[in-house]
PDB file of N, CA and C in Angstrom:
ATOM      1  N   MET A   1     109.490 -29.884  -9.926  1.00  0.00           N
ATOM      2  CA  MET A   1     108.784 -29.235  -8.840  1.00  0.00           C
ATOM      3  C   MET A   1     107.413 -28.787  -9.397  1.00  0.00           C
ATOM      4  N   GLU A   2     106.344 -29.028  -8.559  1.00  0.00           N
ATOM      5  CA  GLU A   2     105.091 -28.669  -9.000  1.00  0.00           C
ATOM      6  C   GLU A   2     104.724 -27.221  -8.649  1.00  0.00           C
ATOM      7  N   LYS A   3     104.140 -26.502  -9.701  1.00  0.00           N
ATOM      8  CA  LYS A   3     103.756 -25.132  -9.432  1.00  0.00           C
ATOM      9  C   LYS A   3     102.350 -25.086  -8.931  1.00  0.00           C
ATOM     10  N   LYS A   4     102.146 -24.184  -7.936  1.00  0.00           N
ATOM     11  CA  LYS A   4     100.834 -23.943  -7.340  1.00  0.00           C
ATOM     12  C   LYS A   4     100.026 -22.989  -8.340  1.00  0.00           C
ATOM     13  N   LYS A   5      98.806 -23.353  -8.590  1.00  0.00           N
ATOM     14  CA  LYS A   5      97.963 -22.524  -9.385  1.00  0.00           C
ATOM     15  C   LYS A   5      97.467 -21.285  -8.526  1.00  0.00           C
ATOM     16  N   SER A   6      97.588 -20.136  -9.104  1.00  0.00           N
ATOM     17  CA  SER A   6      97.078 -18.937  -8.325  1.00  0.00           C
ATOM     18  C   SER A   6      95.673 -18.742  -8.612  1.00  0.00           C
ATOM     19  N   VAL A   7      94.898 -18.358  -7.650  1.00  0.00           N
ATOM     20  CA  VAL A   7      93.480 -18.185  -7.750  1.00  0.00           C
ATOM     21  C   VAL A   7      93.250 -16.704  -7.828  1.00  0.00           C
ATOM     22  N   SER A   8      92.513 -16.214  -8.902  1.00  0.00           N
ATOM     23  CA  SER A   8      92.287 -14.779  -9.021  1.00  0.00           C
ATOM     24  C   SER A   8      91.288 -14.390  -7.949  1.00  0.00           C
ATOM     25  N   PRO A   9      91.311 -13.040  -7.494  1.00  0.00           N
ATOM     26  CA  PRO A   9      90.452 -12.583  -6.500  1.00  0.00           C
ATOM     27  C   PRO A   9      89.001 -12.776  -6.882  1.00  0.00           C
ATOM     28  N   ARG A  10      88.611 -12.614  -8.136  1.00  0.00           N
ATOM     29  CA  ARG A  10      87.325 -12.860  -8.637  1.00  0.00           C
ATOM     30  C   ARG A  10      86.819 -14.310  -8.399  1.00  0.00           C
ATOM     31  N   ALA A  11      87.689 -15.196  -8.741  1.00  0.00           N
ATOM     32  CA  ALA A  11      87.395 -16.660  -8.535  1.00  0.00           C
ATOM     33  C   ALA A  11      87.203 -17.031  -7.055  1.00  0.00           C
ATOM     34  N   ALA A  12      88.029 -16.359  -6.197  1.00  0.00           N
ATOM     35  CA  ALA A  12      88.019 -16.639  -4.782  1.00  0.00           C
ATOM     36  C   ALA A  12      86.727 -16.136  -4.236  1.00  0.00           C
ATOM     37  N   GLN A  13      86.290 -14.929  -4.696  1.00  0.00           N
ATOM     38  CA  GLN A  13      84.980 -14.294  -4.299  1.00  0.00           C
ATOM     39  C   GLN A  13      83.821 -15.124  -4.748  1.00  0.00           C
ATOM     40  N   THR A  14      83.892 -15.599  -5.901  1.00  0.00           N
ATOM     41  CA  THR A  14      82.727 -16.481  -6.479  1.00  0.00           C
ATOM     42  C   THR A  14      82.714 -17.708  -5.615  1.00  0.00           C
ATOM     43  N   SER A  15      83.881 -18.263  -5.364  1.00  0.00           N
ATOM     44  CA  SER A  15      83.865 -19.489  -4.539  1.00  0.00           C
ATOM     45  C   SER A  15      83.344 -19.273  -3.086  1.00  0.00           C
ATOM     46  N   ALA A  16      83.665 -18.149  -2.513  1.00  0.00           N
ATOM     47  CA  ALA A  16      83.097 -17.830  -1.128  1.00  0.00           C
ATOM     48  C   ALA A  16      81.594 -17.682  -1.181  1.00  0.00           C
ATOM     49  N   LYS A  17      81.096 -17.112  -2.265  1.00  0.00           N
ATOM     50  CA  LYS A  17      79.677 -16.889  -2.362  1.00  0.00           C
ATOM     51  C   LYS A  17      78.925 -18.235  -2.516  1.00  0.00           C
ATOM     52  N   ALA A  18      79.578 -19.102  -3.269  1.00  0.00           N
ATOM     53  CA  ALA A  18      79.006 -20.458  -3.516  1.00  0.00           C
ATOM     54  C   ALA A  18      79.000 -21.228  -2.142  1.00  0.00           C
ATOM     55  N   ASP A  19      80.043 -21.082  -1.365  1.00  0.00           N
ATOM     56  CA  ASP A  19      80.108 -21.683  -0.048  1.00  0.00           C
ATOM     57  C   ASP A  19      78.864 -21.293   0.832  1.00  0.00           C
ATOM     58  N   VAL A  20      78.596 -19.961   0.809  1.00  0.00           N
ATOM     59  CA  VAL A  20      77.429 -19.424   1.609  1.00  0.00           C
ATOM     60  C   VAL A  20      76.149 -20.119   1.183  1.00  0.00           C
ATOM     61  N   VAL A  21      75.929 -20.195  -0.155  1.00  0.00           N
ATOM     62  CA  VAL A  21      74.697 -20.644  -0.666  1.00  0.00           C
ATOM     63  C   VAL A  21      74.551 -22.210  -0.273  1.00  0.00           C
ATOM     64  N   THR A  22      75.539 -22.937  -0.369  1.00  0.00           N
ATOM     65  CA  THR A  22      75.477 -24.340  -0.113  1.00  0.00           C
ATOM     66  C   THR A  22      75.261 -24.668   1.408  1.00  0.00           C
ATOM     67  N   ARG A  23      75.547 -23.692   2.333  1.00  0.00           N
ATOM     68  CA  ARG A  23      75.293 -23.864   3.700  1.00  0.00           C
ATOM     69  C   ARG A  23      73.931 -23.593   4.191  1.00  0.00           C
ATOM     70  N   ILE A  24      73.099 -23.074   3.306  1.00  0.00           N
ATOM     71  CA  ILE A  24      71.731 -22.752   3.743  1.00  0.00           C
ATOM     72  C   ILE A  24      70.939 -24.031   3.783  1.00  0.00           C
ATOM     73  N   THR A  25      70.492 -24.354   5.000  1.00  0.00           N
ATOM     74  CA  THR A  25      69.768 -25.662   5.170  1.00  0.00           C
ATOM     75  C   THR A  25      68.367 -25.317   5.799  1.00  0.00           C
ATOM     76  N   ALA A  26      67.574 -26.193   5.780  1.00  0.00           N
ATOM     77  CA  ALA A  26      66.244 -26.064   6.438  1.00  0.00           C
ATOM     78  C   ALA A  26      66.416 -25.886   7.945  1.00  0.00           C
ATOM     79  N   GLU A  27      67.479 -26.621   8.505  1.00  0.00           N
ATOM     80  CA  GLU A  27      67.809 -26.572   9.928  1.00  0.00           C
ATOM     81  C   GLU A  27      68.275 -25.140  10.307  1.00  0.00           C
ATOM     82  N   GLY A  28      69.094 -24.514   9.357  1.00  0.00           N
ATOM     83  CA  GLY A  28      69.563 -23.197   9.566  1.00  0.00           C
ATOM     84  C   GLY A  28      68.481 -22.130   9.477  1.00  0.00           C
ATOM     85  N   ILE A  29      67.610 -22.304   8.544  1.00  0.00           N
ATOM     86  CA  ILE A  29      66.401 -21.373   8.389  1.00  0.00           C
ATOM     87  C   ILE A  29      65.576 -21.568   9.681  1.00  0.00           C
ATOM     88  N   SER A  30      65.312 -22.750  10.048  1.00  0.00           N
ATOM     89  CA  SER A  30      64.482 -23.012  11.276  1.00  0.00           C
ATOM     90  C   SER A  30      64.984 -22.293  12.483  1.00  0.00           C
ATOM     91  N   GLN A  31      66.297 -22.449  12.677  1.00  0.00           N
ATOM     92  CA  GLN A  31      67.011 -21.780  13.837  1.00  0.00           C
ATOM     93  C   GLN A  31      66.867 -20.216  13.813  1.00  0.00           C
ATOM     94  N   ARG A  32      67.081 -19.745  12.683  1.00  0.00           N
ATOM     95  CA  ARG A  32      66.927 -18.252  12.512  1.00  0.00           C
ATOM     96  C   ARG A  32      65.483 -17.761  12.667  1.00  0.00           C
ATOM     97  N   ALA A  33      64.548 -18.528  12.100  1.00  0.00           N
ATOM     98  CA  ALA A  33      63.143 -18.195  12.274  1.00  0.00           C
ATOM     99  C   ALA A  33      62.720 -18.314  13.750  1.00  0.00           C
ATOM    100  N   TYR A  34      63.266 -19.315  14.423  1.00  0.00           N
ATOM    101  CA  TYR A  34      62.959 -19.397  15.913  1.00  0.00           C
ATOM    102  C   TYR A  34      63.537 -18.148  16.685  1.00  0.00           C
ATOM    103  N   ASN A  35      64.798 -17.772  16.260  1.00  0.00           N
ATOM    104  CA  ASN A  35      65.321 -16.539  16.902  1.00  0.00           C
ATOM    105  C   ASN A  35      64.460 -15.253  16.694  1.00  0.00           C
ATOM    106  N   LEU A  36      63.909 -15.189  15.472  1.00  0.00           N
ATOM    107  CA  LEU A  36      62.996 -14.008  15.208  1.00  0.00           C
ATOM    108  C   LEU A  36      61.725 -14.104  16.022  1.00  0.00           C
ATOM    109  N   PHE A  37      61.224 -15.313  16.154  1.00  0.00           N
ATOM    110  CA  PHE A  37      59.987 -15.586  17.025  1.00  0.00           C
ATOM    111  C   PHE A  37      60.363 -15.150  18.408  1.00  0.00           C
ATOM    112  N   GLN A  38      61.539 -15.517  18.945  1.00  0.00           N
ATOM    113  CA  GLN A  38      61.895 -15.137  20.412  1.00  0.00           C
ATOM    114  C   GLN A  38      62.065 -13.632  20.484  1.00  0.00           C
ATOM    115  N   ALA A  39      62.655 -12.988  19.504  1.00  0.00           N
ATOM    116  CA  ALA A  39      62.908 -11.614  19.517  1.00  0.00           C
ATOM    117  C   ALA A  39      61.598 -10.791  19.542  1.00  0.00           C
ATOM    118  N   ARG A  40      60.515 -11.383  19.004  1.00  0.00           N
ATOM    119  CA  ARG A  40      59.265 -10.761  18.978  1.00  0.00           C
ATOM    120  C   ARG A  40      58.539 -11.014  20.253  1.00  0.00           C
ATOM    121  N   GLY A  41      59.149 -11.707  21.152  1.00  0.00           N
ATOM    122  CA  GLY A  41      58.457 -11.954  22.497  1.00  0.00           C
ATOM    123  C   GLY A  41      57.670 -13.308  22.503  1.00  0.00           C
ATOM    124  N   SER A  42      58.022 -14.165  21.564  1.00  0.00           N
ATOM    125  CA  SER A  42      57.417 -15.453  21.386  1.00  0.00           C
ATOM    126  C   SER A  42      55.844 -15.354  21.035  1.00  0.00           C
ATOM    127  N   GLU A  43      55.582 -14.378  20.261  1.00  0.00           N
ATOM    128  CA  GLU A  43      54.242 -14.096  19.823  1.00  0.00           C
ATOM    129  C   GLU A  43      53.846 -15.063  18.627  1.00  0.00           C
ATOM    130  N   HIS A  44      52.859 -15.850  18.764  1.00  0.00           N
ATOM    131  CA  HIS A  44      52.445 -16.800  17.810  1.00  0.00           C
ATOM    132  C   HIS A  44      51.783 -16.121  16.583  1.00  0.00           C
ATOM    133  N   GLY A  45      51.664 -16.894  15.474  1.00  0.00           N
ATOM    134  CA  GLY A  45      50.977 -16.427  14.376  1.00  0.00           C
ATOM    135  C   GLY A  45      51.813 -15.797  13.253  1.00  0.00           C
ATOM    136  N   HIS A  46      53.059 -15.828  13.321  1.00  0.00           N
ATOM    137  CA  HIS A  46      53.986 -15.301  12.357  1.00  0.00           C
ATOM    138  C   HIS A  46      55.002 -16.217  11.831  1.00  0.00           C
ATOM    139  N   ASP A  47      54.574 -17.587  11.898  1.00  0.00           N
ATOM    140  CA  ASP A  47      55.551 -18.640  11.587  1.00  0.00           C
ATOM    141  C   ASP A  47      56.106 -18.560  10.074  1.00  0.00           C
ATOM    142  N   VAL A  48      55.103 -18.316   9.184  1.00  0.00           N
ATOM    143  CA  VAL A  48      55.439 -18.258   7.761  1.00  0.00           C
ATOM    144  C   VAL A  48      56.251 -17.039   7.475  1.00  0.00           C
ATOM    145  N   GLU A  49      55.881 -15.919   8.084  1.00  0.00           N
ATOM    146  CA  GLU A  49      56.652 -14.740   7.880  1.00  0.00           C
ATOM    147  C   GLU A  49      58.060 -14.775   8.377  1.00  0.00           C
ATOM    148  N   ASP A  50      58.214 -15.378   9.633  1.00  0.00           N
ATOM    149  CA  ASP A  50      59.479 -15.649  10.183  1.00  0.00           C
ATOM    150  C   ASP A  50      60.369 -16.538   9.285  1.00  0.00           C
ATOM    151  N   TRP A  51      59.792 -17.606   8.823  1.00  0.00           N
ATOM    152  CA  TRP A  51      60.519 -18.531   7.903  1.00  0.00           C
ATOM    153  C   TRP A  51      60.987 -17.837   6.740  1.00  0.00           C
ATOM    154  N   LEU A  52      60.148 -17.106   6.084  1.00  0.00           N
ATOM    155  CA  LEU A  52      60.516 -16.326   4.774  1.00  0.00           C
ATOM    156  C   LEU A  52      61.527 -15.305   5.072  1.00  0.00           C
ATOM    157  N   HIS A  53      61.429 -14.611   6.149  1.00  0.00           N
ATOM    158  CA  HIS A  53      62.405 -13.638   6.560  1.00  0.00           C
ATOM    159  C   HIS A  53      63.720 -14.233   6.787  1.00  0.00           C
ATOM    160  N   ALA A  54      63.753 -15.318   7.544  1.00  0.00           N
ATOM    161  CA  ALA A  54      64.999 -16.030   7.840  1.00  0.00           C
ATOM    162  C   ALA A  54      65.641 -16.498   6.609  1.00  0.00           C
ATOM    163  N   GLU A  55      64.883 -17.155   5.716  1.00  0.00           N
ATOM    164  CA  GLU A  55      65.407 -17.574   4.499  1.00  0.00           C
ATOM    165  C   GLU A  55      66.041 -16.519   3.640  1.00  0.00           C
ATOM    166  N   ALA A  56      65.331 -15.369   3.554  1.00  0.00           N
ATOM    167  CA  ALA A  56      65.916 -14.281   2.761  1.00  0.00           C
ATOM    168  C   ALA A  56      67.168 -13.776   3.319  1.00  0.00           C
ATOM    169  N   GLU A  57      67.255 -13.675   4.654  1.00  0.00           N
ATOM    170  CA  GLU A  57      68.469 -13.216   5.371  1.00  0.00           C
ATOM    171  C   GLU A  57      69.643 -14.040   5.053  1.00  0.00           C
ATOM    172  N   LEU A  58      69.407 -15.328   5.216  1.00  0.00           N
ATOM    173  CA  LEU A  58      70.467 -16.305   5.003  1.00  0.00           C
ATOM    174  C   LEU A  58      70.931 -16.289   3.460  1.00  0.00           C
ATOM    175  N   ARG A  59      70.002 -16.195   2.587  1.00  0.00           N
ATOM    176  CA  ARG A  59      70.480 -16.206   1.173  1.00  0.00           C
ATOM    177  C   ARG A  59      71.167 -14.861   0.868  1.00  0.00           C
ATOM    178  N   LYS A  60      70.822 -13.761   1.537  1.00  0.00           N
ATOM    179  CA  LYS A  60      71.468 -12.492   1.367  1.00  0.00           C
ATOM    180  C   LYS A  60      72.810 -12.431   2.100  1.00  0.00           C
ATOM    181  N   GLY A  61      72.949 -13.413   3.067  1.00  0.00           N
ATOM    182  CA  GLY A  61      74.234 -13.373   3.834  1.00  0.00           C
ATOM    183  C   GLY A  61      74.260 -12.464   5.031  1.00  0.00           C
ATOM    184  N   SER A  62      73.094 -12.117   5.439  1.00  0.00           N
ATOM    185  CA  SER A  62      73.066 -11.243   6.607  1.00  0.00           C
ATOM    186  C   SER A  62      71.950 -11.661   7.567  1.00  0.00           C
ATOM    187  N   THR A  63      72.102 -11.227   8.791  1.00  0.00           N
ATOM    188  CA  THR A  63      70.957 -11.432   9.671  1.00  0.00           C
ATOM    189  C   THR A  63      70.698 -10.039  10.314  1.00  0.00           C
ATOM    190  N   THR A  64      69.522  -9.613  10.104  1.00  0.00           N
ATOM    191  CA  THR A  64      69.058  -8.386  10.594  1.00  0.00           C
ATOM    192  C   THR A  64      67.978  -8.585  11.638  1.00  0.00           C
ATOM    193  N   GLU A  65      67.753  -7.644  12.493  1.00  0.00           N
ATOM    194  CA  GLU A  65      66.664  -7.731  13.485  1.00  0.00           C
ATOM    195  C   GLU A  65      65.359  -7.579  12.790  1.00  0.00           C
ATOM    196  N   ILE A  66      64.327  -8.236  13.400  1.00  0.00           N
ATOM    197  CA  ILE A  66      62.958  -8.207  12.793  1.00  0.00           C
ATOM    198  C   ILE A  66      62.537  -6.703  12.816  1.00  0.00           C
ATOM    199  N   GLY A  67      61.889  -6.296  11.710  1.00  0.00           N
ATOM    200  CA  GLY A  67      61.349  -5.003  11.605  1.00  0.00           C
ATOM    201  C   GLY A  67      62.312  -4.081  10.814  1.00  0.00           C
ATOM    202  N   THR A  68      63.470  -4.582  10.469  1.00  0.00           N
ATOM    203  CA  THR A  68      64.370  -3.745   9.660  1.00  0.00           C
ATOM    204  C   THR A  68      64.257  -4.211   8.208  1.00  0.00           C
ATOM    205  N   ALA A  69      64.533  -3.339   7.245  1.00  0.00           N
ATOM    206  CA  ALA A  69      64.420  -3.704   5.843  1.00  0.00           C
ATOM    207  C   ALA A  69      65.425  -4.732   5.444  1.00  0.00           C
ATOM    208  N   LEU A  70      65.011  -5.561   4.578  1.00  0.00           N
ATOM    209  CA  LEU A  70      65.945  -6.600   4.010  1.00  0.00           C
ATOM    210  C   LEU A  70      66.741  -5.931   2.880  1.00  0.00           C
TER     211      LEU A  70
END
């Protein structure tokens, strides 16, 4: 009979973090940046700021409303 290997909580947590990182794509960043653009009332001229903000949020694993601290 084959024994199942147990995964330590720390290993599971590390694995979960790795999954989050691998899911960050240009498409995901683009979608979040567009959401930030819309939340601002579709005001142009902040595309780079929105992109960087969206990328930072996704890397951190959270999405916050524009204007709040990261």
